[in-house]
Amino acid sequence: MSLTLDKNEILTWLRETNPARLEELWRRADETRRQHVGDAVHLRGLVEISNFCARACAYCGLRVANTKLTRYRMDAAEIFAAAQQAVTFGYGTVVLQGGEDYGIRTDWLAEVVRGIKSETPLAVTLSLGERPEKDLAEWRAAGADRYLIRFETSDADLFTKIHPPLGNHKCDRLVILRQLREIGFEVGSGIMVGIPGQTYASVAEDLRLFHELDLDMIGIGPFIPHPATPLGNGGKFFPSGNGEQAPNNELMVYKSVALARLVRPDANIPATSALATINKVNGRELGLRRGANVFMPNLTPLKYRRLYEIYPDKACIAETGDTCHGCLNRRISGLGRHIGSGQGGRKQRQSAAEMPAGQEWGYA
């Protein structure tokens, strides 16, 4: 059976506010999730290994110009301890995340990855920004399984405004995503919704790219600027060309998650911590009901967790790993779902180039 979504349908759903109509979208996304990835919720242990960053992004609290932030970089022993905690809790993956920190030497991190792969059954996901292709290849050779780098928005001009180039190097994250695929990684990307200047049509193009790039993992969260940034302190605003600003609210995130599930039905899609931040009561549960199938409990040592302040008021900032693990078990069971076993990689992959003509907005 083949279902398709054309551009007009996606735009209509993105603009929809009628609760009764949206219930149909939630139902379709949830059924598609059940058919393609099942009822398992896979847990990825998040370890925020460094808050150093060379970039000057207009919204992120880790930006190099934020001199009020106390910087840290975890050592290998601390990272191994967090990975062992993931094993103890039965997680299948550890996610090593950080700013674009060139103090993290390529060979050092390769050794860390080799150690985790040799001593645990975990998959290793890296999310460390725009590193050179040779770094990515070395980490893949060391055993890293997945790499996550969001393209944030398909609007190239808007991306440059919120994510200034580093020196004379102009970044193209779509090129990096294709390099990651060629190197052999499972590839993850995603967007923020509600960036100042981002239109509904731009978000629709983002969703098309999820399909075209054949992403294995898709992360979607709201635009939440840090107050110590140009976009977080009443500074520059980038008005959209036609005035149709996409909102950065909870509903827009749910709609984007649900539509991502429809255009990339077998991808792993997390109910993100940013979603939990804007709805601390049941944001992640609603994400799981509307297409998501992954949680990312935070295993970063508490002494560092408050310092990894991409945006303010992050959810679960003071919870220990044990507390978080017990809470997630209860939340997932309450949904009638169960925790997934094993590494939880994407079950199948179909190249966009292999799609039948005319189905670039649909899925099989």
Protein backbone atom coordinates (compact mmCIF):
# COMPACT_ATOMS: atom_id res chain seq x y z
CA MET A 1 0.00 0.00 0.00
CA SER A 2 1.37 3.39 -0.96
CA LEU A 3 0.38 6.66 0.72
CA THR A 4 1.54 10.04 -0.49
CA LEU A 5 1.62 13.58 0.78
CA ASP A 6 2.05 16.37 -1.73
CA LYS A 7 3.37 19.81 -0.91
CA ASN A 8 -0.06 21.38 -0.59
CA GLU A 9 -1.16 18.69 1.87
CA ILE A 10 1.92 19.24 4.01
CA LEU A 11 1.39 23.01 4.03
CA THR A 12 -2.27 22.53 4.92
CA TRP A 13 -1.35 20.34 7.88
CA LEU A 14 1.33 22.78 9.05
CA ARG A 15 -1.26 25.58 9.11
CA GLU A 16 -4.03 23.46 10.66
CA THR A 17 -5.30 24.50 14.09
CA ASN A 18 -8.62 22.64 14.29
CA PRO A 19 -8.27 20.06 17.12
CA ALA A 20 -10.62 17.58 15.45
CA ARG A 21 -8.66 17.71 12.20
CA LEU A 22 -5.37 17.41 14.04
CA GLU A 23 -6.59 14.25 15.77
CA GLU A 24 -6.62 12.69 12.30
CA LEU A 25 -2.98 13.70 11.77
CA TRP A 26 -1.97 12.28 15.16
CA ARG A 27 -3.81 9.03 14.37
CA ARG A 28 -2.12 8.66 10.97
CA ALA A 29 1.33 9.38 12.40
CA ASP A 30 0.84 6.97 15.29
CA GLU A 31 -0.42 4.18 13.05
CA THR A 32 2.46 4.72 10.61
CA ARG A 33 4.89 4.56 13.54
CA ARG A 34 3.31 1.33 14.78
CA GLN A 35 3.43 -0.30 11.32
CA HIS A 36 7.02 0.66 10.52
CA VAL A 37 8.94 0.72 13.82
CA GLY A 38 6.58 -0.96 16.27
CA ASP A 39 5.71 -0.11 19.86
CA ALA A 40 9.26 -0.15 21.22
CA VAL A 41 10.67 3.09 22.59
CA HIS A 42 14.44 3.07 22.18
CA LEU A 43 16.53 4.82 24.83
CA ARG A 44 19.72 6.66 23.91
CA GLY A 45 21.94 7.71 26.80
CA LEU A 46 22.98 11.32 26.18
CA VAL A 47 26.44 12.40 27.37
CA GLU A 48 27.26 16.09 26.82
CA ILE A 49 31.03 15.74 26.67
CA SER A 50 32.02 19.39 26.09
CA ASN A 51 30.46 22.84 26.10
CA PHE A 52 33.34 24.50 24.28
CA CYS A 53 32.32 25.73 20.84
CA ALA A 54 34.13 27.63 18.11
CA ARG A 55 30.94 28.93 16.51
CA ALA A 56 28.94 32.14 17.02
CA CYS A 57 25.41 30.90 16.37
CA ALA A 58 22.83 33.63 16.98
CA TYR A 59 20.66 31.55 19.34
CA CYS A 60 22.88 29.04 21.18
CA GLY A 61 24.21 29.56 24.70
CA LEU A 62 27.40 27.66 23.90
CA ARG A 63 28.46 30.29 21.35
CA VAL A 64 32.10 31.34 21.64
CA ALA A 65 31.18 34.91 22.58
CA ASN A 66 29.37 33.83 25.75
CA THR A 67 32.17 34.60 28.18
CA LYS A 68 29.93 34.16 31.23
CA LEU A 69 29.64 30.43 30.66
CA THR A 70 31.99 28.18 32.63
CA ARG A 71 33.49 25.78 30.10
CA TYR A 72 34.21 22.10 30.62
CA ARG A 73 35.43 19.08 28.68
CA MET A 74 34.87 15.58 30.08
CA ASP A 75 37.84 13.23 30.28
CA ALA A 76 37.89 9.69 28.92
CA ALA A 77 37.26 8.07 32.30
CA GLU A 78 34.13 10.18 32.85
CA ILE A 79 32.81 9.31 29.41
CA PHE A 80 33.46 5.59 29.95
CA ALA A 81 31.65 5.76 33.31
CA ALA A 82 28.60 7.31 31.64
CA ALA A 83 28.69 4.64 28.92
CA GLN A 84 28.80 1.91 31.57
CA GLN A 85 25.79 3.50 33.24
CA ALA A 86 23.94 3.25 29.90
CA VAL A 87 24.75 -0.47 29.83
CA THR A 88 23.53 -0.89 33.42
CA PHE A 89 20.21 0.73 32.53
CA GLY A 90 19.83 -1.46 29.44
CA TYR A 91 20.16 1.34 26.88
CA GLY A 92 21.29 0.34 23.41
CA THR A 93 23.07 3.55 22.42
CA VAL A 94 25.26 6.22 23.93
CA VAL A 95 25.20 9.67 22.30
CA LEU A 96 28.37 11.76 22.69
CA GLN A 97 27.33 15.34 22.09
CA GLY A 98 29.21 18.61 22.31
CA GLY A 99 29.83 21.98 20.81
CA GLU A 100 32.09 22.29 17.78
CA ASP A 101 35.13 21.87 20.00
CA TYR A 102 38.47 21.50 18.25
CA GLY A 103 40.04 20.89 21.64
CA ILE A 104 38.56 17.41 21.20
CA ARG A 105 41.39 15.85 19.22
CA THR A 106 40.42 13.47 16.47
CA ASP A 107 42.72 10.68 17.63
CA TRP A 108 41.70 11.07 21.29
CA LEU A 109 38.01 10.69 20.51
CA ALA A 110 38.76 7.74 18.21
CA GLU A 111 40.36 5.99 21.19
CA VAL A 112 37.34 6.77 23.36
CA VAL A 113 35.03 5.31 20.72
CA ARG A 114 37.20 2.21 20.35
CA GLY A 115 37.11 1.71 24.10
CA ILE A 116 33.33 1.95 24.30
CA LYS A 117 32.90 -0.42 21.35
CA SER A 118 35.34 -2.98 22.74
CA GLU A 119 34.00 -2.94 26.31
CA THR A 120 30.24 -2.54 25.82
CA PRO A 121 27.48 -3.67 23.42
CA LEU A 122 26.47 -0.06 22.79
CA ALA A 123 26.02 1.71 19.51
CA VAL A 124 27.88 5.04 19.53
CA THR A 125 26.28 8.17 18.10
CA LEU A 126 28.38 11.33 17.72
CA SER A 127 26.99 14.86 17.52
CA LEU A 128 29.93 17.25 17.45
CA GLY A 129 29.21 19.77 14.74
CA GLU A 130 30.87 20.42 11.41
CA ARG A 131 34.10 18.47 11.66
CA PRO A 132 36.32 17.89 8.57
CA GLU A 133 35.62 14.79 6.52
CA LYS A 134 38.91 13.19 7.62
CA ASP A 135 37.83 13.45 11.27
CA LEU A 136 34.48 11.87 10.50
CA ALA A 137 36.14 9.05 8.57
CA GLU A 138 38.57 8.34 11.43
CA TRP A 139 35.74 8.18 13.97
CA ARG A 140 33.77 5.86 11.72
CA ALA A 141 36.82 3.61 11.34
CA ALA A 142 37.13 3.56 15.14
CA GLY A 143 33.62 2.10 15.35
CA ALA A 144 31.23 5.05 15.70
CA ASP A 145 27.89 3.96 14.27
CA ARG A 146 25.89 7.15 13.80
CA TYR A 147 26.40 10.86 13.35
CA LEU A 148 23.83 13.55 14.07
CA ILE A 149 24.04 17.07 12.66
CA ARG A 150 20.95 19.18 12.16
CA PHE A 151 20.65 21.33 9.06
CA GLU A 152 18.24 23.47 11.21
CA THR A 153 16.52 25.09 8.20
CA SER A 154 16.52 24.48 4.43
CA ASP A 155 16.49 28.25 3.86
CA ALA A 156 20.17 28.82 3.03
CA ASP A 157 20.04 32.58 3.61
CA LEU A 158 18.34 32.19 6.98
CA PHE A 159 20.79 29.45 7.99
CA THR A 160 23.73 31.78 7.34
CA LYS A 161 22.13 34.52 9.44
CA ILE A 162 21.67 32.27 12.47
CA HIS A 163 24.83 30.23 11.90
CA PRO A 164 27.66 32.51 10.71
CA PRO A 165 30.58 30.85 8.88
CA LEU A 166 33.72 29.95 10.79
CA GLY A 167 36.43 32.12 9.28
CA ASN A 168 36.34 31.92 5.49
CA HIS A 169 34.76 28.46 5.49
CA LYS A 170 31.15 28.54 4.33
CA CYS A 171 29.35 25.47 5.55
CA ASP A 172 26.91 23.34 3.59
CA ARG A 173 25.42 20.85 6.03
CA LEU A 174 23.63 19.01 3.24
CA VAL A 175 27.04 18.21 1.76
CA ILE A 176 28.21 16.99 5.19
CA LEU A 177 25.15 14.76 5.52
CA ARG A 178 25.88 13.14 2.18
CA GLN A 179 29.55 12.68 3.16
CA LEU A 180 28.46 10.94 6.34
CA ARG A 181 26.36 8.52 4.32
CA GLU A 182 29.28 7.79 1.98
CA ILE A 183 31.60 7.18 4.94
CA GLY A 184 29.17 4.59 6.25
CA PHE A 185 27.41 6.25 9.17
CA GLU A 186 23.76 6.00 9.99
CA VAL A 187 22.82 9.63 9.45
CA GLY A 188 20.68 11.89 11.60
CA SER A 189 19.58 15.46 11.08
CA GLY A 190 16.71 17.75 11.92
CA ILE A 191 15.41 21.25 12.36
CA MET A 192 14.26 23.94 14.73
CA VAL A 193 10.76 25.21 14.11
CA GLY A 194 9.87 28.84 14.63
CA ILE A 195 13.23 30.44 13.81
CA PRO A 196 12.61 34.16 13.24
CA GLY A 197 12.16 34.49 9.47
CA GLN A 198 11.18 30.85 8.92
CA THR A 199 7.97 30.39 6.92
CA TYR A 200 5.53 27.51 6.74
CA ALA A 201 6.76 26.86 3.20
CA SER A 202 10.31 26.64 4.50
CA VAL A 203 9.30 24.02 7.08
CA ALA A 204 7.54 22.10 4.30
CA GLU A 205 10.79 22.11 2.34
CA ASP A 206 12.59 20.82 5.44
CA LEU A 207 10.18 17.88 5.51
CA ARG A 208 10.81 17.21 1.84
CA LEU A 209 14.53 17.10 2.59
CA PHE A 210 14.00 14.54 5.35
CA HIS A 211 12.64 12.26 2.66
CA GLU A 212 15.19 13.16 -0.02
CA LEU A 213 18.14 12.63 2.32
CA ASP A 214 16.71 9.26 3.43
CA LEU A 215 17.52 10.12 7.03
CA ASP A 216 17.92 7.35 9.58
CA MET A 217 17.25 9.71 12.51
CA ILE A 218 15.21 12.94 12.62
CA GLY A 219 15.25 15.40 15.51
CA ILE A 220 12.77 18.28 15.69
CA GLY A 221 12.50 20.88 18.42
CA PRO A 222 11.22 24.41 18.94
CA PHE A 223 13.38 27.48 18.48
CA ILE A 224 14.39 28.46 22.03
CA PRO A 225 17.07 31.19 22.05
CA HIS A 226 19.45 31.61 24.96
CA PRO A 227 19.28 35.07 26.57
CA ALA A 228 23.05 35.57 26.10
CA THR A 229 22.65 35.58 22.30
CA PRO A 230 21.59 38.12 19.66
CA LEU A 231 18.23 36.39 19.15
CA GLY A 232 17.64 35.88 22.84
CA ASN A 233 18.05 39.41 24.15
CA GLY A 234 15.78 41.39 21.86
CA GLY A 235 18.42 41.80 19.17
CA LYS A 236 18.25 41.11 15.47
CA PHE A 237 15.07 39.65 14.03
CA PHE A 238 14.89 38.22 10.53
CA PRO A 239 11.40 38.86 9.12
CA SER A 240 10.11 36.32 6.62
CA GLY A 241 9.73 37.38 3.01
CA ASN A 242 5.96 37.06 2.96
CA GLY A 243 5.25 37.72 6.61
CA GLU A 244 4.05 34.17 7.23
CA GLN A 245 6.17 33.37 10.26
CA ALA A 246 6.08 29.75 11.43
CA PRO A 247 5.48 29.68 15.21
CA ASN A 248 7.91 28.10 17.67
CA ASN A 249 5.15 26.66 19.83
CA GLU A 250 4.46 23.17 21.08
CA LEU A 251 1.73 22.47 18.51
CA MET A 252 4.03 23.30 15.61
CA VAL A 253 6.59 20.80 16.92
CA TYR A 254 3.98 18.04 17.17
CA LYS A 255 2.75 18.73 13.64
CA SER A 256 6.30 18.62 12.30
CA VAL A 257 7.07 15.37 14.16
CA ALA A 258 3.90 13.75 12.86
CA LEU A 259 4.59 14.83 9.28
CA ALA A 260 8.20 13.68 9.55
CA ARG A 261 6.87 10.24 10.47
CA LEU A 262 4.63 10.25 7.41
CA VAL A 263 7.38 11.25 4.96
CA ARG A 264 10.09 9.06 6.55
CA PRO A 265 8.07 6.24 8.19
CA ASP A 266 10.93 3.96 9.26
CA ALA A 267 13.23 6.64 10.71
CA ASN A 268 14.06 6.90 14.41
CA ILE A 269 12.42 10.08 15.72
CA PRO A 270 12.99 11.26 19.30
CA ALA A 271 10.62 13.12 21.57
CA THR A 272 13.30 15.72 22.26
CA SER A 273 14.44 17.32 25.49
CA ALA A 274 13.51 20.72 24.01
CA LEU A 275 9.95 19.49 23.66
CA ALA A 276 10.04 18.41 27.30
CA THR A 277 11.33 21.88 28.17
CA ILE A 278 8.32 23.70 26.73
CA ASN A 279 5.93 21.13 28.22
CA LYS A 280 7.46 19.57 31.30
CA VAL A 281 4.27 17.74 32.26
CA ASN A 282 3.77 15.46 29.25
CA GLY A 283 5.56 16.94 26.25
CA ARG A 284 7.59 13.82 25.54
CA GLU A 285 4.57 11.54 25.99
CA LEU A 286 2.59 13.58 23.47
CA GLY A 287 5.56 13.39 21.10
CA LEU A 288 5.50 9.59 21.40
CA ARG A 289 1.77 9.56 20.68
CA ARG A 290 2.29 11.65 17.56
CA GLY A 291 5.02 9.78 15.72
CA ALA A 292 8.14 9.62 17.90
CA ASN A 293 9.78 6.37 19.02
CA VAL A 294 12.96 7.45 20.89
CA PHE A 295 13.79 9.03 24.26
CA MET A 296 17.23 10.42 25.11
CA PRO A 297 17.73 10.29 28.89
CA ASN A 298 20.59 12.49 30.07
CA LEU A 299 23.61 10.69 31.56
CA THR A 300 25.84 13.76 31.75
CA PRO A 301 27.35 14.06 35.25
CA LEU A 302 25.33 16.55 37.29
CA LYS A 303 28.35 18.81 37.87
CA TYR A 304 28.44 19.49 34.12
CA ARG A 305 24.79 19.28 33.16
CA ARG A 306 23.82 22.84 34.10
CA LEU A 307 26.79 24.13 32.12
CA TYR A 308 25.58 22.59 28.86
CA GLU A 309 23.12 25.43 28.44
CA ILE A 310 22.21 25.59 24.76
CA TYR A 311 18.94 27.17 25.87
CA PRO A 312 17.62 28.10 29.32
CA ASP A 313 15.50 26.08 31.74
CA LYS A 314 16.27 22.66 30.26
CA ALA A 315 14.12 19.79 31.43
CA CYS A 316 15.45 17.21 33.91
CA ILE A 317 18.50 19.32 34.66
CA ALA A 318 18.95 17.99 38.21
CA GLU A 319 17.78 14.39 37.85
CA THR A 320 20.29 11.62 38.45
CA GLY A 321 20.53 8.79 35.93
CA ASP A 322 18.72 6.45 38.31
CA THR A 323 15.86 8.89 38.87
CA CYS A 324 15.52 9.60 35.15
CA HIS A 325 15.59 5.91 34.27
CA GLY A 326 12.80 5.07 36.69
CA CYS A 327 10.71 8.01 35.50
CA LEU A 328 11.04 7.03 31.85
CA ASN A 329 10.06 3.45 32.58
CA ARG A 330 6.84 4.65 34.20
CA ARG A 331 6.07 7.13 31.43
CA ILE A 332 6.60 4.59 28.65
CA SER A 333 4.60 1.88 30.40
CA GLY A 334 1.80 4.38 30.94
CA LEU A 335 1.50 4.75 27.18
CA GLY A 336 1.12 1.02 26.67
CA ARG A 337 4.53 0.95 25.01
CA HIS A 338 7.69 -0.92 26.02
CA ILE A 339 11.41 -0.14 26.11
CA GLY A 340 13.26 -1.41 23.06
CA SER A 341 16.13 -3.86 23.27
CA GLY A 342 19.42 -3.81 21.41
CA GLN A 343 20.96 -0.89 19.56
CA GLY A 344 17.71 0.12 17.85
CA GLY A 345 19.13 1.11 14.47
CA ARG A 346 16.92 1.84 11.52
CA LYS A 347 15.48 -1.39 10.18
CA GLN A 348 15.65 -0.57 6.53
CA ARG A 349 16.94 2.10 4.20
CA GLN A 350 15.68 3.11 0.82
CA SER A 351 17.65 5.58 -1.24
CA ALA A 352 15.65 8.56 -2.45
CA ALA A 353 17.19 7.91 -5.85
CA GLU A 354 15.32 4.58 -5.92
CA MET A 355 11.93 6.16 -5.30
CA PRO A 356 9.46 5.99 -8.19
CA ALA A 357 9.14 9.19 -10.16
CA GLY A 358 6.62 11.60 -8.69
CA GLN A 359 6.84 10.22 -5.15
CA GLU A 360 9.35 12.65 -3.73
CA TRP A 361 6.70 13.92 -1.28
CA GLY A 362 5.39 10.50 -0.36
CA TYR A 363 6.43 7.25 1.13
CA ALA A 364 5.99 3.59 0.32
